[in-house]
């Protein structure tokens, strides 16, 4: 891997870890592969059956962090993994029996 890709890969993983810590994605993702397709276009490969890969571009004037966030959230949007009404609830949250957390996954079909 080219030295500049190593630096980008570290930043990508930091962003993925931050998305998980902020509970914006429901599972931890590890970037196992980063490829540059054309100048400014990248593909992140994951060893995860829920999300195989995601592509992003740095040509839009966005920061690397913003581009990765948008790409990952867009890839998960519309799947049953990320139909959220706000941030995911804390894993330690306790709610009275029969009450739903107001920001839990919406599993009802329309």
C-alpha atoms as a PDB file:
ATOM      1  CA  UNK A   1       0.000   0.000   0.000  1.00  0.00           C
ATOM      2  CA  UNK A   2       1.270   3.456  -0.884  1.00  0.00           C
ATOM      3  CA  UNK A   3       2.338   5.566   2.129  1.00  0.00           C
ATOM      4  CA  UNK A   4      -0.434   8.138   1.542  1.00  0.00           C
ATOM      5  CA  UNK A   5      -3.028   5.322   1.504  1.00  0.00           C
ATOM      6  CA  UNK A   6      -1.757   4.091   4.878  1.00  0.00           C
ATOM      7  CA  UNK A   7      -2.424   7.541   6.355  1.00  0.00           C
ATOM      8  CA  UNK A   8      -5.884   7.680   4.757  1.00  0.00           C
ATOM      9  CA  UNK A   9      -6.673   4.138   5.969  1.00  0.00           C
ATOM     10  CA  UNK A  10      -5.886   5.131   9.559  1.00  0.00           C
ATOM     11  CA  UNK A  11      -8.146   8.163   9.290  1.00  0.00           C
ATOM     12  CA  UNK A  12     -10.916   6.038   7.758  1.00  0.00           C
ATOM     13  CA  UNK A  13     -10.739   3.582  10.659  1.00  0.00           C
ATOM     14  CA  UNK A  14     -10.782   6.448  13.174  1.00  0.00           C
ATOM     15  CA  UNK A  15     -13.960   7.765  11.520  1.00  0.00           C
ATOM     16  CA  UNK A  16     -15.587   4.299  11.555  1.00  0.00           C
ATOM     17  CA  UNK A  17     -14.757   3.914  15.250  1.00  0.00           C
ATOM     18  CA  UNK A  18     -16.194   7.363  15.943  1.00  0.00           C
ATOM     19  CA  UNK A  19     -19.461   6.506  14.128  1.00  0.00           C
ATOM     20  CA  UNK A  20     -19.819   3.415  16.326  1.00  0.00           C
ATOM     21  CA  UNK A  21     -18.961   5.305  19.553  1.00  0.00           C
ATOM     22  CA  UNK A  22     -21.546   7.961  18.657  1.00  0.00           C
ATOM     23  CA  UNK A  23     -24.061   5.100  18.106  1.00  0.00           C
ATOM     24  CA  UNK A  24     -24.761   6.278  14.559  1.00  0.00           C
ATOM     25  CA  UNK A  25     -24.064   2.783  13.218  1.00  0.00           C
ATOM     26  CA  UNK A  26     -25.317  -0.339  15.025  1.00  0.00           C
ATOM     27  CA  UNK A  27     -22.181  -2.472  14.665  1.00  0.00           C
ATOM     28  CA  UNK A  28     -18.424  -1.969  14.629  1.00  0.00           C
ATOM     29  CA  UNK A  29     -16.824  -1.874  11.198  1.00  0.00           C
ATOM     30  CA  UNK A  30     -13.179  -2.611  10.465  1.00  0.00           C
ATOM     31  CA  UNK A  31     -11.680  -1.446   7.192  1.00  0.00           C
ATOM     32  CA  UNK A  32      -9.616  -4.346   5.897  1.00  0.00           C
ATOM     33  CA  UNK A  33      -8.821  -2.885   2.506  1.00  0.00           C
ATOM     34  CA  UNK A  34      -8.564   0.590   1.025  1.00  0.00           C
ATOM     35  CA  UNK A  35      -8.156   1.003  -2.714  1.00  0.00           C
ATOM     36  CA  UNK A  36      -7.800   4.135  -4.786  1.00  0.00           C
ATOM     37  CA  UNK A  37      -9.709   3.811  -8.053  1.00  0.00           C
ATOM     38  CA  UNK A  38      -8.960   7.195  -9.578  1.00  0.00           C
ATOM     39  CA  UNK A  39      -7.512  10.349  -8.118  1.00  0.00           C
ATOM     40  CA  UNK A  40      -9.791  11.182  -5.214  1.00  0.00           C
ATOM     41  CA  UNK A  41     -12.039   8.087  -5.434  1.00  0.00           C
ATOM     42  CA  UNK A  42     -11.622   5.343  -2.846  1.00  0.00           C
ATOM     43  CA  UNK A  43     -13.212   2.030  -1.904  1.00  0.00           C
ATOM     44  CA  UNK A  44     -13.193   0.652   1.637  1.00  0.00           C
ATOM     45  CA  UNK A  45     -13.485  -3.123   1.913  1.00  0.00           C
ATOM     46  CA  UNK A  46     -14.989  -4.720   5.025  1.00  0.00           C
ATOM     47  CA  UNK A  47     -14.988  -8.376   6.096  1.00  0.00           C
ATOM     48  CA  UNK A  48     -18.607  -8.111   7.184  1.00  0.00           C
ATOM     49  CA  UNK A  49     -21.662  -9.737   5.628  1.00  0.00           C
ATOM     50  CA  UNK A  50     -23.808  -6.729   6.528  1.00  0.00           C
ATOM     51  CA  UNK A  51     -21.701  -4.273   4.531  1.00  0.00           C
ATOM     52  CA  UNK A  52     -19.104  -5.526   2.053  1.00  0.00           C
ATOM     53  CA  UNK A  53     -17.675  -2.255   0.798  1.00  0.00           C
ATOM     54  CA  UNK A  54     -18.361   1.422   0.361  1.00  0.00           C
ATOM     55  CA  UNK A  55     -16.969   4.014  -2.008  1.00  0.00           C
ATOM     56  CA  UNK A  56     -16.349   7.700  -1.481  1.00  0.00           C
ATOM     57  CA  UNK A  57     -14.811  10.619  -3.317  1.00  0.00           C
ATOM     58  CA  UNK A  58     -12.759  13.522  -2.035  1.00  0.00           C
ATOM     59  CA  UNK A  59     -13.454  15.716  -5.055  1.00  0.00           C
ATOM     60  CA  UNK A  60     -16.493  17.480  -3.568  1.00  0.00           C
ATOM     61  CA  UNK A  61     -14.489  19.672  -1.205  1.00  0.00           C
ATOM     62  CA  UNK A  62     -15.534  17.595   1.825  1.00  0.00           C
ATOM     63  CA  UNK A  63     -13.067  16.465   4.427  1.00  0.00           C
ATOM     64  CA  UNK A  64     -12.070  12.806   4.566  1.00  0.00           C
ATOM     65  CA  UNK A  65     -14.090  12.405   7.772  1.00  0.00           C
ATOM     66  CA  UNK A  66     -17.220  13.900   6.183  1.00  0.00           C
ATOM     67  CA  UNK A  67     -16.858  11.833   3.012  1.00  0.00           C
ATOM     68  CA  UNK A  68     -16.517   8.550   4.950  1.00  0.00           C
ATOM     69  CA  UNK A  69     -19.417   9.411   7.280  1.00  0.00           C
ATOM     70  CA  UNK A  70     -21.715  10.243   4.372  1.00  0.00           C
ATOM     71  CA  UNK A  71     -20.728   7.133   2.407  1.00  0.00           C
ATOM     72  CA  UNK A  72     -21.170   4.689   5.316  1.00  0.00           C
ATOM     73  CA  UNK A  73     -24.434   6.188   6.548  1.00  0.00           C
ATOM     74  CA  UNK A  74     -25.811   6.321   2.988  1.00  0.00           C
ATOM     75  CA  UNK A  75     -24.835   2.680   2.399  1.00  0.00           C
ATOM     76  CA  UNK A  76     -26.640   1.599   5.569  1.00  0.00           C
ATOM     77  CA  UNK A  77     -29.618   3.923   5.076  1.00  0.00           C
ATOM     78  CA  UNK A  78     -32.700   2.050   3.949  1.00  0.00           C
ATOM     79  CA  UNK A  79     -31.456  -1.252   5.341  1.00  0.00           C
ATOM     80  CA  UNK A  80     -32.945  -2.779   8.455  1.00  0.00           C
ATOM     81  CA  UNK A  81     -29.634  -1.996  10.173  1.00  0.00           C
ATOM     82  CA  UNK A  82     -30.141   1.740  10.064  1.00  0.00           C
ATOM     83  CA  UNK A  83     -33.785   2.752  10.169  1.00  0.00           C
ATOM     84  CA  UNK A  84     -33.316   4.991  13.149  1.00  0.00           C
ATOM     85  CA  UNK A  85     -35.224   7.803  14.699  1.00  0.00           C
ATOM     86  CA  UNK A  86     -32.208   9.593  16.160  1.00  0.00           C
ATOM     87  CA  UNK A  87     -29.123   8.075  17.787  1.00  0.00           C
ATOM     88  CA  UNK A  88     -29.216   4.469  18.917  1.00  0.00           C
ATOM     89  CA  UNK A  89     -30.151   4.030  22.584  1.00  0.00           C
ATOM     90  CA  UNK A  90     -27.433   3.227  25.066  1.00  0.00           C
ATOM     91  CA  UNK A  91     -26.764  -0.466  25.563  1.00  0.00           C
ATOM     92  CA  UNK A  92     -27.297   0.132  29.292  1.00  0.00           C
ATOM     93  CA  UNK A  93     -30.657   1.882  28.928  1.00  0.00           C
ATOM     94  CA  UNK A  94     -33.434   0.444  31.075  1.00  0.00           C
ATOM     95  CA  UNK A  95     -37.078   1.091  30.237  1.00  0.00           C
ATOM     96  CA  UNK A  96     -40.274   0.065  32.024  1.00  0.00           C
ATOM     97  CA  UNK A  97     -41.866  -3.114  30.693  1.00  0.00           C
ATOM     98  CA  UNK A  98     -44.017  -2.461  27.654  1.00  0.00           C
ATOM     99  CA  UNK A  99     -42.523   0.948  26.924  1.00  0.00           C
ATOM    100  CA  UNK A 100     -40.357   1.509  23.890  1.00  0.00           C
ATOM    101  CA  UNK A 101     -37.427   3.843  23.849  1.00  0.00           C
ATOM    102  CA  UNK A 102     -38.476   6.819  21.694  1.00  0.00           C
ATOM    103  CA  UNK A 103     -35.371   6.447  19.544  1.00  0.00           C
ATOM    104  CA  UNK A 104     -35.302   2.701  18.927  1.00  0.00           C
ATOM    105  CA  UNK A 105     -35.194   1.050  15.544  1.00  0.00           C
ATOM    106  CA  UNK A 106     -38.455   1.304  13.652  1.00  0.00           C
ATOM    107  CA  UNK A 107     -39.201  -2.298  12.730  1.00  0.00           C
ATOM    108  CA  UNK A 108     -42.794  -1.747  11.694  1.00  0.00           C
ATOM    109  CA  UNK A 109     -43.652  -2.024   8.029  1.00  0.00           C
ATOM    110  CA  UNK A 110     -45.458   0.848   6.395  1.00  0.00           C
END
